[in-house]
C-alpha cells in the first residue's frame, strides 16, 4: 500500500534535509594576478579549454555544492569562462592582500548553504580530477577528520576538505599563507590522499611550455 501523501512528503523532506546537512561546498580560488606568467594563467589554453574552465568543470563534476569561484585581479573574463556552469562567482576586492582574503570571500559566499564541510582548490592544477576531489570528500566525511588534504612531495596542501568546525579558523586567516598553515597545525589528524601531480606549478612561461610538451 502506498504511503499517505503527507507521510511520503515528510519522508522526502527529511531525506532532502539529510542530504543538505551532508553537502560539501567548494571554493575555487582564481584571484591572483599571475605576475610571473605575465598574463592571466587562469585563461591559458590546455587541451582545448582554459585552465579555469577545466578547473570549474572538475569542481562541478565533483558533486560539491555550492561551487563558488573567487575572482580578483581579473574579473569579467573569468566570469565569462564559467558561463553555463552552476558556479557562483564572487569578486574579492582585497585580492592583493593575499590568498587568505579569497578564502574568506569564498567561504562567506558558501556559508548560507550551511555545508558540512568546504573543499578549497586552485585553478592552476590541470591534472586534478573529479575522482580525486570525491575521494578527499569521502575520506574526510568517513573519518570525521578535521581536514583531508592532498599529499605531494613532502607537503600537504590544497585541494583540501575542511570540516565546518574549522570555518571560524579559515575566516581568521590573513595574508599570503593560505590554508597551508592551518593544515600543518593539525599534524597527524589530517587525512591524506596522494596527489603527486600536485607538485606541478604553472607560474612561469617555462612551466607552461613544459605542461604543453608533457601533457
N, C-alpha and C. Protein backbone atom coordinates (compact mmCIF):
# COMPACT_ATOMS: atom_id res chain seq x y z
N UNK A 1 0.85 -1.19 0.00
CA UNK A 1 0.00 0.00 0.00
C UNK A 1 0.89 1.24 0.00
N UNK A 2 0.50 2.18 -0.83
CA UNK A 2 1.30 3.40 -0.90
C UNK A 2 1.14 4.20 0.37
N UNK A 3 2.23 4.86 0.78
CA UNK A 3 2.19 5.69 1.97
C UNK A 3 1.28 6.88 1.73
N UNK A 4 0.56 7.34 2.76
CA UNK A 4 -0.24 8.55 2.61
C UNK A 4 0.62 9.69 2.11
N UNK A 5 0.01 10.59 1.36
CA UNK A 5 0.77 11.68 0.74
C UNK A 5 1.52 12.49 1.76
N UNK A 6 0.89 12.74 2.94
CA UNK A 6 1.55 13.55 3.96
C UNK A 6 2.79 12.84 4.49
N UNK A 7 2.70 11.50 4.67
CA UNK A 7 3.84 10.73 5.15
C UNK A 7 4.96 10.71 4.12
N UNK A 8 4.56 10.50 2.86
CA UNK A 8 5.57 10.48 1.78
C UNK A 8 6.27 11.82 1.68
N UNK A 9 5.50 12.91 1.82
CA UNK A 9 6.09 14.24 1.74
C UNK A 9 7.07 14.47 2.88
N UNK A 10 6.67 14.02 4.07
CA UNK A 10 7.54 14.19 5.24
C UNK A 10 8.82 13.40 5.07
N UNK A 11 8.69 12.18 4.51
CA UNK A 11 9.88 11.35 4.28
C UNK A 11 10.81 12.00 3.28
N UNK A 12 10.23 12.53 2.19
CA UNK A 12 11.04 13.20 1.17
C UNK A 12 11.71 14.43 1.74
N UNK A 13 10.96 15.16 2.57
CA UNK A 13 11.53 16.36 3.18
C UNK A 13 12.69 16.02 4.09
N UNK A 14 12.53 14.93 4.87
CA UNK A 14 13.60 14.52 5.77
C UNK A 14 14.83 14.10 5.00
N UNK A 15 14.60 13.38 3.88
CA UNK A 15 15.72 12.94 3.06
C UNK A 15 16.46 14.14 2.47
N UNK A 16 15.67 15.13 2.03
CA UNK A 16 16.28 16.33 1.47
C UNK A 16 17.09 17.06 2.53
N UNK A 17 16.54 17.16 3.73
CA UNK A 17 17.25 17.83 4.82
C UNK A 17 18.52 17.12 5.18
N UNK A 18 18.48 15.77 5.17
CA UNK A 18 19.68 14.99 5.48
C UNK A 18 20.75 15.21 4.45
N UNK A 19 20.34 15.23 3.16
CA UNK A 19 21.31 15.44 2.09
C UNK A 19 21.95 16.81 2.21
N UNK A 20 21.11 17.82 2.53
CA UNK A 20 21.64 19.17 2.67
C UNK A 20 22.64 19.26 3.81
N UNK A 21 22.34 18.49 4.89
CA UNK A 21 23.21 18.54 6.05
C UNK A 21 24.60 17.98 5.74
N UNK A 22 24.65 17.08 4.75
CA UNK A 22 25.92 16.47 4.39
C UNK A 22 26.58 17.13 3.19
N UNK A 23 25.99 18.19 2.64
CA UNK A 23 26.54 18.85 1.46
C UNK A 23 27.92 19.43 1.77
N UNK A 24 28.78 19.33 0.80
CA UNK A 24 30.12 19.91 0.92
C UNK A 24 30.26 21.01 -0.13
N UNK A 25 30.55 22.21 0.30
CA UNK A 25 30.75 23.33 -0.61
C UNK A 25 32.15 23.26 -1.22
N UNK A 26 32.33 23.96 -2.30
CA UNK A 26 33.65 24.02 -2.94
C UNK A 26 33.98 25.47 -3.29
N UNK A 27 35.17 25.89 -2.90
CA UNK A 27 35.65 27.23 -3.21
C UNK A 27 36.83 27.11 -4.16
N UNK A 28 36.67 27.68 -5.34
CA UNK A 28 37.69 27.65 -6.39
C UNK A 28 38.39 29.01 -6.43
N UNK A 29 39.67 29.01 -6.08
CA UNK A 29 40.42 30.27 -5.97
C UNK A 29 41.08 30.62 -7.30
N UNK A 30 40.78 31.83 -7.80
CA UNK A 30 41.34 32.28 -9.08
C UNK A 30 41.56 33.78 -9.07
N UNK A 31 41.99 34.32 -7.94
CA UNK A 31 42.06 35.77 -7.78
C UNK A 31 43.42 36.37 -8.09
N UNK A 32 44.43 35.53 -8.25
CA UNK A 32 45.79 36.04 -8.39
C UNK A 32 46.05 36.79 -9.69
N UNK A 33 47.13 37.58 -9.69
CA UNK A 33 47.47 38.42 -10.84
C UNK A 33 48.41 37.74 -11.83
N UNK A 34 48.94 36.56 -11.49
CA UNK A 34 49.85 35.82 -12.39
C UNK A 34 51.02 36.68 -12.84
N UNK A 35 51.65 37.38 -11.92
CA UNK A 35 52.71 38.32 -12.28
C UNK A 35 53.91 37.62 -12.91
N UNK A 36 54.25 36.41 -12.45
CA UNK A 36 55.40 35.70 -13.01
C UNK A 36 55.11 35.18 -14.41
N UNK A 37 53.84 34.92 -14.70
CA UNK A 37 53.47 34.45 -16.03
C UNK A 37 53.43 35.59 -17.02
N UNK A 38 53.07 36.78 -16.56
CA UNK A 38 52.99 37.93 -17.46
C UNK A 38 51.64 38.09 -18.11
N UNK A 39 50.72 37.17 -17.88
CA UNK A 39 49.35 37.22 -18.37
C UNK A 39 48.52 36.30 -17.47
N UNK A 40 47.20 36.47 -17.48
CA UNK A 40 46.38 35.66 -16.56
C UNK A 40 46.51 34.16 -16.86
N UNK A 41 47.11 33.42 -15.93
CA UNK A 41 47.29 31.99 -16.20
C UNK A 41 45.97 31.25 -16.18
N UNK A 42 44.96 31.82 -15.52
CA UNK A 42 43.66 31.17 -15.50
C UNK A 42 43.09 31.01 -16.91
N UNK A 43 43.54 31.88 -17.83
CA UNK A 43 43.00 31.88 -19.20
C UNK A 43 43.92 31.18 -20.20
N UNK A 44 44.98 30.55 -19.71
CA UNK A 44 45.86 29.80 -20.59
C UNK A 44 45.14 28.57 -21.13
N UNK A 45 45.41 28.26 -22.38
CA UNK A 45 44.75 27.11 -23.01
C UNK A 45 45.47 25.81 -22.67
N UNK A 46 44.67 24.78 -22.39
CA UNK A 46 45.22 23.45 -22.11
C UNK A 46 44.20 22.41 -22.54
N UNK A 47 44.59 21.61 -23.52
CA UNK A 47 43.72 20.55 -24.03
C UNK A 47 42.36 21.08 -24.48
N UNK A 48 42.40 22.21 -25.18
CA UNK A 48 41.19 22.75 -25.78
C UNK A 48 40.32 23.59 -24.87
N UNK A 49 40.73 23.78 -23.63
CA UNK A 49 39.99 24.61 -22.69
C UNK A 49 40.98 25.47 -21.93
N UNK A 50 40.48 26.52 -21.30
CA UNK A 50 41.36 27.29 -20.42
C UNK A 50 41.56 26.50 -19.12
N UNK A 51 42.63 26.85 -18.41
CA UNK A 51 42.86 26.21 -17.12
C UNK A 51 41.68 26.43 -16.18
N UNK A 52 41.09 27.62 -16.24
CA UNK A 52 39.97 27.92 -15.35
C UNK A 52 38.75 27.09 -15.73
N UNK A 53 38.44 27.00 -17.01
CA UNK A 53 37.27 26.21 -17.42
C UNK A 53 37.45 24.76 -17.00
N UNK A 54 38.64 24.23 -17.20
CA UNK A 54 38.92 22.85 -16.78
C UNK A 54 38.69 22.71 -15.28
N UNK A 55 39.22 23.65 -14.50
CA UNK A 55 39.08 23.57 -13.05
C UNK A 55 37.61 23.67 -12.64
N UNK A 56 36.87 24.57 -13.27
CA UNK A 56 35.46 24.75 -12.92
C UNK A 56 34.65 23.51 -13.28
N UNK A 57 34.91 22.91 -14.42
CA UNK A 57 34.19 21.69 -14.81
C UNK A 57 34.54 20.55 -13.87
N UNK A 58 35.80 20.48 -13.46
CA UNK A 58 36.21 19.46 -12.49
C UNK A 58 35.50 19.67 -11.17
N UNK A 59 35.41 20.92 -10.74
CA UNK A 59 34.73 21.25 -9.48
C UNK A 59 33.26 20.84 -9.52
N UNK A 60 32.58 21.18 -10.60
CA UNK A 60 31.16 20.85 -10.73
C UNK A 60 30.96 19.33 -10.76
N UNK A 61 31.84 18.63 -11.48
CA UNK A 61 31.72 17.18 -11.61
C UNK A 61 31.98 16.45 -10.30
N UNK A 62 32.60 17.13 -9.33
CA UNK A 62 32.89 16.50 -8.04
C UNK A 62 31.62 16.23 -7.24
N UNK A 63 30.54 16.94 -7.56
CA UNK A 63 29.30 16.80 -6.81
C UNK A 63 29.17 17.75 -5.65
N UNK A 64 30.19 18.54 -5.39
CA UNK A 64 30.12 19.53 -4.31
C UNK A 64 29.12 20.62 -4.68
N UNK A 65 28.47 21.16 -3.68
CA UNK A 65 27.53 22.25 -3.90
C UNK A 65 27.37 23.08 -2.62
N UNK A 66 27.36 24.40 -2.75
CA UNK A 66 27.55 25.18 -3.96
C UNK A 66 29.02 25.22 -4.37
N UNK A 67 29.25 25.55 -5.66
CA UNK A 67 30.60 25.79 -6.15
C UNK A 67 30.76 27.30 -6.29
N UNK A 68 31.77 27.85 -5.62
CA UNK A 68 31.99 29.29 -5.60
C UNK A 68 33.34 29.60 -6.23
N UNK A 69 33.33 30.42 -7.27
CA UNK A 69 34.57 30.89 -7.91
C UNK A 69 34.90 32.27 -7.37
N UNK A 70 36.13 32.43 -6.89
CA UNK A 70 36.57 33.72 -6.36
C UNK A 70 37.52 34.37 -7.35
N UNK A 71 37.13 35.54 -7.87
CA UNK A 71 37.97 36.30 -8.80
C UNK A 71 38.63 37.45 -8.05
N UNK A 72 39.59 38.08 -8.71
CA UNK A 72 40.28 39.19 -8.07
C UNK A 72 40.90 40.12 -9.08
N UNK A 73 42.17 39.86 -9.44
CA UNK A 73 42.88 40.72 -10.38
C UNK A 73 42.18 40.78 -11.73
N UNK A 74 41.60 39.66 -12.13
CA UNK A 74 40.81 39.59 -13.37
C UNK A 74 39.40 39.20 -12.97
N UNK A 75 38.42 39.88 -13.52
CA UNK A 75 37.04 39.66 -13.06
C UNK A 75 36.11 39.20 -14.18
N UNK A 76 35.80 40.10 -15.12
CA UNK A 76 34.81 39.78 -16.14
C UNK A 76 35.22 38.61 -17.01
N UNK A 77 36.49 38.57 -17.41
CA UNK A 77 36.95 37.49 -18.30
C UNK A 77 36.85 36.13 -17.63
N UNK A 78 37.08 36.07 -16.33
CA UNK A 78 36.99 34.80 -15.62
C UNK A 78 35.53 34.39 -15.44
N UNK A 79 34.68 35.35 -15.16
CA UNK A 79 33.26 35.04 -15.03
C UNK A 79 32.72 34.49 -16.35
N UNK A 80 33.19 35.05 -17.46
CA UNK A 80 32.74 34.57 -18.77
C UNK A 80 33.16 33.14 -19.03
N UNK A 81 34.30 32.75 -18.47
CA UNK A 81 34.82 31.40 -18.70
C UNK A 81 33.97 30.31 -18.05
N UNK A 82 33.20 30.66 -17.04
CA UNK A 82 32.37 29.65 -16.37
C UNK A 82 30.91 29.78 -16.75
N UNK A 83 30.63 30.54 -17.80
CA UNK A 83 29.25 30.71 -18.27
C UNK A 83 28.64 29.34 -18.58
N UNK A 84 27.41 29.16 -18.15
CA UNK A 84 26.71 27.91 -18.41
C UNK A 84 26.93 26.83 -17.36
N UNK A 85 27.82 27.08 -16.42
CA UNK A 85 28.07 26.12 -15.34
C UNK A 85 27.38 26.59 -14.07
N UNK A 86 26.96 25.66 -13.20
CA UNK A 86 26.34 26.05 -11.94
C UNK A 86 27.39 26.51 -10.93
N UNK A 87 27.95 27.67 -11.21
CA UNK A 87 29.03 28.22 -10.41
C UNK A 87 28.65 29.63 -9.97
N UNK A 88 28.77 29.91 -8.70
CA UNK A 88 28.54 31.26 -8.17
C UNK A 88 29.85 32.01 -8.22
N UNK A 89 29.86 33.17 -8.84
CA UNK A 89 31.08 33.97 -8.98
C UNK A 89 31.07 35.09 -7.94
N UNK A 90 32.15 35.16 -7.18
CA UNK A 90 32.30 36.19 -6.14
C UNK A 90 33.61 36.93 -6.40
N UNK A 91 33.54 38.25 -6.39
CA UNK A 91 34.75 39.06 -6.58
C UNK A 91 35.35 39.44 -5.23
N UNK A 92 36.65 39.26 -5.11
CA UNK A 92 37.37 39.66 -3.90
C UNK A 92 38.12 40.96 -4.17
N UNK A 93 37.62 42.08 -3.70
CA UNK A 93 38.29 43.36 -3.95
C UNK A 93 39.61 43.49 -3.19
N UNK A 94 39.83 42.62 -2.22
CA UNK A 94 41.05 42.69 -1.40
C UNK A 94 42.08 41.64 -1.82
N UNK A 95 41.99 41.17 -3.07
CA UNK A 95 42.84 40.06 -3.52
C UNK A 95 44.33 40.35 -3.35
N UNK A 96 44.72 41.63 -3.43
CA UNK A 96 46.14 41.97 -3.32
C UNK A 96 46.71 41.70 -1.93
N UNK A 97 45.86 41.54 -0.94
CA UNK A 97 46.35 41.28 0.42
C UNK A 97 46.78 39.83 0.60
N UNK A 98 46.46 38.97 -0.36
CA UNK A 98 46.89 37.58 -0.27
C UNK A 98 45.75 36.59 -0.39
N UNK A 99 46.13 35.31 -0.48
CA UNK A 99 45.16 34.25 -0.71
C UNK A 99 44.14 34.13 0.42
N UNK A 100 44.54 34.47 1.63
CA UNK A 100 43.62 34.33 2.76
C UNK A 100 42.33 35.11 2.54
N UNK A 101 42.43 36.29 1.96
CA UNK A 101 41.24 37.10 1.75
C UNK A 101 40.29 36.44 0.75
N UNK A 102 40.83 35.70 -0.21
CA UNK A 102 39.98 34.99 -1.18
C UNK A 102 39.31 33.79 -0.53
N UNK A 103 40.01 33.12 0.36
CA UNK A 103 39.39 32.02 1.10
C UNK A 103 38.22 32.55 1.92
N UNK A 104 38.44 33.66 2.58
CA UNK A 104 37.35 34.24 3.39
C UNK A 104 36.17 34.64 2.52
N UNK A 105 36.45 35.24 1.36
CA UNK A 105 35.36 35.67 0.47
C UNK A 105 34.57 34.48 -0.04
N UNK A 106 35.27 33.42 -0.43
CA UNK A 106 34.59 32.24 -0.94
C UNK A 106 33.78 31.53 0.13
N UNK A 107 34.36 31.39 1.30
CA UNK A 107 33.65 30.72 2.39
C UNK A 107 32.43 31.51 2.82
N UNK A 108 32.56 32.83 2.87
CA UNK A 108 31.42 33.67 3.24
C UNK A 108 30.27 33.49 2.26
N UNK A 109 30.60 33.33 0.98
CA UNK A 109 29.55 33.13 -0.03
C UNK A 109 28.90 31.76 0.08
N UNK A 110 29.68 30.76 0.54
CA UNK A 110 29.17 29.39 0.62
C UNK A 110 28.39 29.13 1.90
N UNK A 111 28.67 29.86 2.96
CA UNK A 111 28.11 29.54 4.28
C UNK A 111 26.58 29.62 4.37
N UNK A 112 25.90 30.48 3.62
CA UNK A 112 24.43 30.47 3.71
C UNK A 112 23.81 29.10 3.39
N UNK A 113 24.51 28.27 2.62
CA UNK A 113 24.01 26.93 2.30
C UNK A 113 24.21 25.95 3.45
N UNK A 114 24.89 26.38 4.51
CA UNK A 114 25.16 25.58 5.69
C UNK A 114 25.80 24.23 5.35
N UNK A 115 26.92 24.25 4.63
CA UNK A 115 27.57 22.99 4.25
C UNK A 115 28.22 22.32 5.46
N UNK A 116 28.37 20.99 5.36
CA UNK A 116 29.03 20.23 6.41
C UNK A 116 30.53 20.41 6.38
N UNK A 117 31.05 20.80 5.21
CA UNK A 117 32.48 20.99 5.03
C UNK A 117 32.69 21.84 3.78
N UNK A 118 33.92 22.28 3.57
CA UNK A 118 34.24 23.03 2.37
C UNK A 118 35.52 22.47 1.76
N UNK A 119 35.51 22.32 0.45
CA UNK A 119 36.69 21.90 -0.30
C UNK A 119 37.29 23.14 -0.95
N UNK A 120 38.56 23.37 -0.72
CA UNK A 120 39.26 24.51 -1.32
C UNK A 120 40.22 23.99 -2.37
N UNK A 121 40.15 24.57 -3.57
CA UNK A 121 41.05 24.16 -4.66
C UNK A 121 41.50 25.37 -5.45
N UNK A 122 42.54 25.16 -6.25
CA UNK A 122 43.11 26.22 -7.07
C UNK A 122 42.71 26.02 -8.53
N UNK A 123 42.91 27.06 -9.32
CA UNK A 123 42.53 26.99 -10.74
C UNK A 123 43.69 26.56 -11.63
N UNK A 124 44.87 26.32 -11.04
CA UNK A 124 46.03 26.00 -11.88
C UNK A 124 46.64 24.64 -11.53
N UNK A 125 45.77 23.66 -11.28
CA UNK A 125 46.22 22.28 -11.07
C UNK A 125 45.56 21.42 -12.15
N UNK A 126 46.12 21.45 -13.37
CA UNK A 126 45.44 20.84 -14.52
C UNK A 126 45.25 19.34 -14.45
N UNK A 127 46.00 18.66 -13.60
CA UNK A 127 45.86 17.20 -13.50
C UNK A 127 44.87 16.77 -12.42
N UNK A 128 44.21 17.72 -11.83
CA UNK A 128 43.21 17.41 -10.82
C UNK A 128 41.98 16.80 -11.48
N UNK A 129 41.40 15.79 -10.84
CA UNK A 129 40.24 15.10 -11.39
C UNK A 129 39.06 15.14 -10.42
N UNK A 130 37.84 14.98 -10.94
CA UNK A 130 36.69 14.89 -10.04
C UNK A 130 36.81 13.71 -9.08
N UNK A 131 37.43 12.63 -9.56
CA UNK A 131 37.57 11.44 -8.73
C UNK A 131 38.42 11.73 -7.49
N UNK A 132 39.50 12.49 -7.66
CA UNK A 132 40.34 12.81 -6.51
C UNK A 132 39.60 13.72 -5.54
N UNK A 133 38.84 14.67 -6.06
CA UNK A 133 38.06 15.55 -5.19
C UNK A 133 37.04 14.75 -4.39
N UNK A 134 36.36 13.82 -5.07
CA UNK A 134 35.38 12.99 -4.36
C UNK A 134 36.04 12.11 -3.31
N UNK A 135 37.25 11.63 -3.62
CA UNK A 135 37.97 10.81 -2.65
C UNK A 135 38.33 11.62 -1.41
N UNK A 136 38.74 12.86 -1.60
CA UNK A 136 39.04 13.73 -0.46
C UNK A 136 37.81 13.94 0.41
N UNK A 137 36.68 14.22 -0.24
CA UNK A 137 35.43 14.43 0.50
C UNK A 137 35.05 13.17 1.26
N UNK A 138 35.09 12.03 0.57
CA UNK A 138 34.71 10.78 1.21
C UNK A 138 35.60 10.45 2.40
N UNK A 139 36.90 10.66 2.24
CA UNK A 139 37.83 10.36 3.31
C UNK A 139 37.56 11.25 4.53
N UNK A 140 37.36 12.53 4.28
CA UNK A 140 37.11 13.45 5.40
C UNK A 140 35.81 13.13 6.11
N UNK A 141 34.76 12.84 5.36
CA UNK A 141 33.46 12.57 5.97
C UNK A 141 33.47 11.24 6.72
N UNK A 142 34.05 10.21 6.12
CA UNK A 142 34.04 8.90 6.77
C UNK A 142 34.88 8.89 8.03
N UNK A 143 36.04 9.54 7.97
CA UNK A 143 36.94 9.57 9.13
C UNK A 143 36.52 10.61 10.15
N UNK A 144 35.59 11.50 9.75
CA UNK A 144 35.21 12.63 10.60
C UNK A 144 36.45 13.40 11.04
N UNK A 145 37.38 13.53 10.09
CA UNK A 145 38.64 14.23 10.35
C UNK A 145 38.42 15.73 10.21
N UNK A 146 39.22 16.53 10.88
CA UNK A 146 39.09 17.97 10.71
C UNK A 146 39.42 18.41 9.28
N UNK A 147 40.39 17.70 8.66
CA UNK A 147 40.86 18.06 7.32
C UNK A 147 41.24 16.78 6.57
N UNK A 148 40.98 16.78 5.28
CA UNK A 148 41.56 15.79 4.37
C UNK A 148 42.26 16.59 3.28
N UNK A 149 43.55 16.35 3.08
CA UNK A 149 44.35 17.17 2.18
C UNK A 149 45.11 16.33 1.17
N UNK A 150 45.45 16.96 0.06
CA UNK A 150 46.28 16.31 -0.95
C UNK A 150 47.73 16.27 -0.48
N UNK A 151 48.39 15.16 -0.76
CA UNK A 151 49.80 15.00 -0.38
C UNK A 151 50.64 14.94 -1.65
N UNK A 152 51.61 15.85 -1.74
CA UNK A 152 52.53 15.84 -2.88
C UNK A 152 53.91 16.23 -2.38
N UNK A 153 54.89 15.41 -2.77
CA UNK A 153 56.23 15.61 -2.23
C UNK A 153 56.19 15.40 -0.73
N UNK A 154 56.79 16.31 -0.01
CA UNK A 154 56.79 16.24 1.45
C UNK A 154 55.72 17.14 2.06
N UNK A 155 54.83 17.64 1.22
CA UNK A 155 53.88 18.66 1.68
C UNK A 155 52.45 18.16 1.65
N UNK A 156 51.62 18.79 2.46
CA UNK A 156 50.18 18.64 2.39
C UNK A 156 49.60 19.98 1.98
N UNK A 157 48.62 19.95 1.11
CA UNK A 157 48.06 21.22 0.66
C UNK A 157 46.73 21.04 -0.03
N UNK A 158 46.33 22.06 -0.76
CA UNK A 158 45.07 22.00 -1.49
C UNK A 158 45.27 21.26 -2.81
N UNK A 159 44.21 20.61 -3.28
CA UNK A 159 42.86 20.63 -2.74
C UNK A 159 42.78 19.97 -1.37
N UNK A 160 41.92 20.53 -0.55
CA UNK A 160 41.74 20.01 0.80
C UNK A 160 40.31 20.28 1.26
N UNK A 161 39.81 19.38 2.10
CA UNK A 161 38.46 19.50 2.64
C UNK A 161 38.56 19.84 4.12
N UNK A 162 37.82 20.86 4.53
CA UNK A 162 37.83 21.33 5.91
C UNK A 162 36.44 21.16 6.53
N UNK A 163 36.39 20.50 7.66
CA UNK A 163 35.13 20.33 8.37
C UNK A 163 34.58 21.69 8.81
N UNK A 164 33.26 21.75 8.95
CA UNK A 164 32.64 23.02 9.32
C UNK A 164 33.14 23.55 10.67
N UNK A 165 33.64 22.66 11.52
CA UNK A 165 34.17 23.09 12.82
C UNK A 165 35.37 24.02 12.65
N UNK A 166 35.98 24.01 11.45
CA UNK A 166 37.16 24.84 11.19
C UNK A 166 36.82 26.12 10.44
N UNK A 167 35.56 26.33 10.14
CA UNK A 167 35.19 27.51 9.34
C UNK A 167 35.66 28.80 10.02
N UNK A 168 35.51 28.88 11.34
CA UNK A 168 35.92 30.11 12.03
C UNK A 168 37.42 30.33 11.90
N UNK A 169 38.19 29.24 11.90
CA UNK A 169 39.65 29.38 11.74
C UNK A 169 40.00 29.78 10.32
N UNK A 170 39.28 29.28 9.34
CA UNK A 170 39.50 29.71 7.96
C UNK A 170 39.20 31.20 7.81
N UNK A 171 38.17 31.66 8.48
CA UNK A 171 37.79 33.08 8.38
C UNK A 171 38.78 33.99 9.11
N UNK A 172 39.63 33.40 9.93
CA UNK A 172 40.64 34.20 10.63
C UNK A 172 41.97 34.25 9.89
N UNK A 173 42.11 33.52 8.77
CA UNK A 173 43.36 33.53 8.02
C UNK A 173 43.65 34.92 7.47
N UNK A 174 44.92 35.26 7.43
CA UNK A 174 45.34 36.56 6.91
C UNK A 174 46.58 36.40 6.05
N UNK A 175 46.74 37.30 5.08
CA UNK A 175 47.97 37.37 4.29
C UNK A 175 48.10 36.31 3.22
N UNK A 176 49.35 35.99 2.91
CA UNK A 176 49.66 35.11 1.78
C UNK A 176 49.68 33.63 2.14
N UNK A 177 49.58 33.29 3.42
CA UNK A 177 49.79 31.91 3.84
C UNK A 177 48.76 30.94 3.28
N UNK A 178 47.57 31.39 2.97
CA UNK A 178 46.55 30.48 2.50
C UNK A 178 46.18 29.49 3.58
N UNK A 179 45.76 28.29 3.15
CA UNK A 179 45.31 27.28 4.11
C UNK A 179 46.43 26.37 4.58
N UNK A 180 47.61 26.50 4.00
CA UNK A 180 48.71 25.59 4.32
C UNK A 180 49.07 25.57 5.79
N UNK A 181 49.12 26.72 6.41
CA UNK A 181 49.50 26.79 7.82
C UNK A 181 48.46 26.10 8.69
N UNK A 182 47.18 26.28 8.34
CA UNK A 182 46.12 25.64 9.11
C UNK A 182 46.21 24.12 8.96
N UNK A 183 46.45 23.65 7.75
CA UNK A 183 46.60 22.20 7.53
C UNK A 183 47.75 21.66 8.37
N UNK A 184 48.89 22.35 8.33
CA UNK A 184 50.06 21.89 9.08
C UNK A 184 49.81 21.86 10.58
N UNK A 185 48.99 22.75 11.07
CA UNK A 185 48.76 22.84 12.51
C UNK A 185 48.00 21.63 13.05
N UNK A 186 47.32 20.89 12.18
CA UNK A 186 46.57 19.72 12.63
C UNK A 186 47.37 18.42 12.52
N UNK A 187 48.59 18.50 12.01
CA UNK A 187 49.51 17.37 12.04
C UNK A 187 48.90 16.04 11.65
N UNK A 188 49.07 15.00 12.50
CA UNK A 188 48.61 13.65 12.16
C UNK A 188 47.09 13.50 12.11
N UNK A 189 46.34 14.50 12.55
CA UNK A 189 44.88 14.43 12.48
C UNK A 189 44.37 14.62 11.06
N UNK A 190 45.24 15.06 10.15
CA UNK A 190 44.86 15.32 8.76
C UNK A 190 44.87 14.01 7.97
N UNK A 191 43.76 13.71 7.31
CA UNK A 191 43.71 12.58 6.39
C UNK A 191 44.42 12.99 5.10
N UNK A 192 45.10 12.03 4.47
CA UNK A 192 45.94 12.35 3.30
C UNK A 192 45.54 11.50 2.10
N UNK A 193 45.50 12.16 0.94
CA UNK A 193 45.28 11.47 -0.33
C UNK A 193 46.44 11.83 -1.24
N UNK A 194 47.12 10.83 -1.77
CA UNK A 194 48.28 11.08 -2.63
C UNK A 194 47.86 11.78 -3.92
N UNK A 195 48.58 12.84 -4.25
CA UNK A 195 48.35 13.59 -5.49
C UNK A 195 49.70 14.08 -5.99
N UNK A 196 50.55 13.16 -6.50
CA UNK A 196 51.90 13.54 -6.94
C UNK A 196 51.90 14.66 -7.97
N UNK A 197 50.88 14.71 -8.82
CA UNK A 197 50.84 15.75 -9.85
C UNK A 197 50.62 17.13 -9.27
N UNK A 198 50.32 17.20 -7.97
CA UNK A 198 50.16 18.50 -7.33
C UNK A 198 51.45 19.28 -7.25
N UNK A 199 52.58 18.60 -7.48
CA UNK A 199 53.88 19.28 -7.49
C UNK A 199 54.04 20.20 -8.69
N UNK A 200 53.23 19.96 -9.72
CA UNK A 200 53.33 20.76 -10.94
C UNK A 200 52.88 22.19 -10.69
N UNK A 201 53.74 23.13 -10.99
CA UNK A 201 53.40 24.55 -10.93
C UNK A 201 53.23 25.10 -12.34
N UNK A 202 52.29 26.02 -12.49
CA UNK A 202 52.11 26.71 -13.78
C UNK A 202 52.19 28.20 -13.48
N UNK A 203 53.38 28.61 -13.04
CA UNK A 203 53.58 30.01 -12.62
C UNK A 203 54.38 30.84 -13.61
N UNK A 204 55.14 30.18 -14.50
CA UNK A 204 56.02 30.90 -15.44
C UNK A 204 55.79 30.40 -16.86
N UNK A 205 56.20 31.18 -17.86
CA UNK A 205 56.07 30.72 -19.25
C UNK A 205 56.80 29.40 -19.49
N UNK A 206 57.92 29.20 -18.81
CA UNK A 206 58.68 27.96 -18.98
C UNK A 206 57.90 26.76 -18.44
N UNK A 207 57.26 26.94 -17.30
CA UNK A 207 56.46 25.85 -16.72
C UNK A 207 55.24 25.55 -17.58
N UNK A 208 54.65 26.59 -18.17
CA UNK A 208 53.51 26.37 -19.06
C UNK A 208 53.94 25.63 -20.32
N UNK A 209 55.10 25.98 -20.87
CA UNK A 209 55.61 25.28 -22.04
C UNK A 209 55.86 23.82 -21.72
N UNK A 210 56.38 23.55 -20.52
CA UNK A 210 56.63 22.15 -20.11
C UNK A 210 55.31 21.40 -19.98
N UNK A 211 54.28 22.06 -19.45
CA UNK A 211 52.98 21.42 -19.33
C UNK A 211 52.45 21.02 -20.71
N UNK A 212 52.54 21.93 -21.68
CA UNK A 212 52.06 21.63 -23.01
C UNK A 212 52.85 20.52 -23.66
N UNK A 213 54.15 20.49 -23.40
CA UNK A 213 55.01 19.47 -24.01
C UNK A 213 54.77 18.09 -23.40
N UNK A 214 54.57 18.06 -22.09
CA UNK A 214 54.45 16.77 -21.42
C UNK A 214 53.01 16.30 -21.24
N UNK A 215 52.07 17.19 -21.53
CA UNK A 215 50.68 16.81 -21.39
C UNK A 215 50.23 16.81 -19.98
